[in-house]
């Protein structure tokens, strides 16, 4: 969390690059990340089938509506 406020992650989307339609998504129990901190967390999203070797965009949304996205390759 590079910002000055506590971030609470509340929603996760998984998308194919260049698409606006989620492969899967879900609301999660809030994960709190304090300013200047790095946190890892694992959440299962029901109905989410990913294929090894394909790229996906993981987008997280905070309680305040801030979005962060990163592209990863499924293994």
C-alpha atoms as a PDB file:
ATOM      1  CA  UNK A   1       0.000   0.000   0.000  1.00  0.00           C
ATOM      2  CA  UNK A   2       1.839   3.070  -1.247  1.00  0.00           C
ATOM      3  CA  UNK A   3      -0.930   5.442  -0.171  1.00  0.00           C
ATOM      4  CA  UNK A   4      -1.381   7.283   3.092  1.00  0.00           C
ATOM      5  CA  UNK A   5      -4.670   5.590   4.048  1.00  0.00           C
ATOM      6  CA  UNK A   6      -5.487   2.064   5.100  1.00  0.00           C
ATOM      7  CA  UNK A   7      -6.740   0.037   2.130  1.00  0.00           C
ATOM      8  CA  UNK A   8      -9.461  -2.589   2.546  1.00  0.00           C
ATOM      9  CA  UNK A   9      -9.682  -5.007  -0.377  1.00  0.00           C
ATOM     10  CA  UNK A  10     -13.306  -6.111  -0.788  1.00  0.00           C
ATOM     11  CA  UNK A  11     -13.684  -7.407  -4.362  1.00  0.00           C
ATOM     12  CA  UNK A  12     -11.570  -9.418  -6.807  1.00  0.00           C
ATOM     13  CA  UNK A  13     -12.003  -9.851 -10.575  1.00  0.00           C
ATOM     14  CA  UNK A  14     -10.115 -12.172 -12.922  1.00  0.00           C
ATOM     15  CA  UNK A  15     -10.248 -11.175 -16.597  1.00  0.00           C
ATOM     16  CA  UNK A  16      -8.580 -12.083 -19.878  1.00  0.00           C
ATOM     17  CA  UNK A  17      -6.289  -9.263 -21.085  1.00  0.00           C
ATOM     18  CA  UNK A  18      -8.210  -6.812 -23.284  1.00  0.00           C
ATOM     19  CA  UNK A  19     -11.597  -8.022 -22.040  1.00  0.00           C
ATOM     20  CA  UNK A  20     -14.084  -6.299 -19.766  1.00  0.00           C
ATOM     21  CA  UNK A  21     -16.028  -9.500 -19.059  1.00  0.00           C
ATOM     22  CA  UNK A  22     -14.734 -11.272 -15.933  1.00  0.00           C
ATOM     23  CA  UNK A  23     -13.730 -14.927 -16.103  1.00  0.00           C
ATOM     24  CA  UNK A  24     -14.799 -14.909 -12.463  1.00  0.00           C
ATOM     25  CA  UNK A  25     -15.244 -12.447  -9.631  1.00  0.00           C
ATOM     26  CA  UNK A  26     -16.344 -12.260  -6.061  1.00  0.00           C
ATOM     27  CA  UNK A  27     -16.752 -10.178  -2.980  1.00  0.00           C
ATOM     28  CA  UNK A  28     -14.422 -11.177  -0.188  1.00  0.00           C
ATOM     29  CA  UNK A  29     -14.134 -10.608   3.522  1.00  0.00           C
ATOM     30  CA  UNK A  30     -12.172  -7.357   3.731  1.00  0.00           C
ATOM     31  CA  UNK A  31      -8.382  -7.660   3.741  1.00  0.00           C
ATOM     32  CA  UNK A  32      -6.788  -4.668   5.467  1.00  0.00           C
ATOM     33  CA  UNK A  33      -3.470  -3.301   4.188  1.00  0.00           C
ATOM     34  CA  UNK A  34      -1.889  -0.532   6.262  1.00  0.00           C
ATOM     35  CA  UNK A  35       0.003   2.363   4.657  1.00  0.00           C
ATOM     36  CA  UNK A  36       3.535   1.352   3.697  1.00  0.00           C
ATOM     37  CA  UNK A  37       2.741  -2.349   4.150  1.00  0.00           C
ATOM     38  CA  UNK A  38       2.656  -5.331   1.831  1.00  0.00           C
ATOM     39  CA  UNK A  39       0.160  -8.099   2.531  1.00  0.00           C
ATOM     40  CA  UNK A  40      -0.470 -11.378   0.766  1.00  0.00           C
ATOM     41  CA  UNK A  41      -3.796 -13.143   0.868  1.00  0.00           C
ATOM     42  CA  UNK A  42      -5.457 -16.110  -0.767  1.00  0.00           C
ATOM     43  CA  UNK A  43      -9.115 -16.281  -1.690  1.00  0.00           C
ATOM     44  CA  UNK A  44     -11.019 -18.893  -3.661  1.00  0.00           C
ATOM     45  CA  UNK A  45     -13.481 -17.640  -6.255  1.00  0.00           C
ATOM     46  CA  UNK A  46     -16.227 -20.112  -7.084  1.00  0.00           C
ATOM     47  CA  UNK A  47     -16.704 -20.940 -10.744  1.00  0.00           C
ATOM     48  CA  UNK A  48     -13.203 -19.826 -11.667  1.00  0.00           C
ATOM     49  CA  UNK A  49     -11.502 -22.082 -14.208  1.00  0.00           C
ATOM     50  CA  UNK A  50      -8.097 -20.897 -15.405  1.00  0.00           C
ATOM     51  CA  UNK A  51      -5.871 -22.534 -17.995  1.00  0.00           C
ATOM     52  CA  UNK A  52      -2.141 -23.001 -17.405  1.00  0.00           C
ATOM     53  CA  UNK A  53       0.032 -20.919 -19.697  1.00  0.00           C
ATOM     54  CA  UNK A  54      -2.634 -18.267 -20.341  1.00  0.00           C
ATOM     55  CA  UNK A  55      -2.400 -14.674 -19.145  1.00  0.00           C
ATOM     56  CA  UNK A  56      -5.041 -13.229 -16.823  1.00  0.00           C
ATOM     57  CA  UNK A  57      -5.598  -9.829 -15.268  1.00  0.00           C
ATOM     58  CA  UNK A  58      -6.254  -9.913 -11.521  1.00  0.00           C
ATOM     59  CA  UNK A  59      -8.029  -6.735 -10.464  1.00  0.00           C
ATOM     60  CA  UNK A  60      -8.667  -5.897  -6.826  1.00  0.00           C
ATOM     61  CA  UNK A  61     -11.064  -3.210  -5.655  1.00  0.00           C
ATOM     62  CA  UNK A  62     -10.867  -1.460  -2.295  1.00  0.00           C
ATOM     63  CA  UNK A  63     -13.740  -0.370  -0.110  1.00  0.00           C
ATOM     64  CA  UNK A  64     -13.173   3.218  -1.324  1.00  0.00           C
ATOM     65  CA  UNK A  65     -13.316   2.140  -4.989  1.00  0.00           C
ATOM     66  CA  UNK A  66      -9.600   2.255  -5.749  1.00  0.00           C
ATOM     67  CA  UNK A  67      -8.592  -0.338  -8.361  1.00  0.00           C
ATOM     68  CA  UNK A  68      -5.300  -2.161  -8.814  1.00  0.00           C
ATOM     69  CA  UNK A  69      -4.645  -4.614 -11.636  1.00  0.00           C
ATOM     70  CA  UNK A  70      -1.759  -6.911 -12.495  1.00  0.00           C
ATOM     71  CA  UNK A  71      -1.313  -9.393 -15.343  1.00  0.00           C
ATOM     72  CA  UNK A  72      -0.193 -12.892 -14.371  1.00  0.00           C
ATOM     73  CA  UNK A  73       0.348 -16.170 -16.196  1.00  0.00           C
ATOM     74  CA  UNK A  74      -1.528 -19.175 -14.821  1.00  0.00           C
ATOM     75  CA  UNK A  75       0.561 -22.218 -13.945  1.00  0.00           C
END
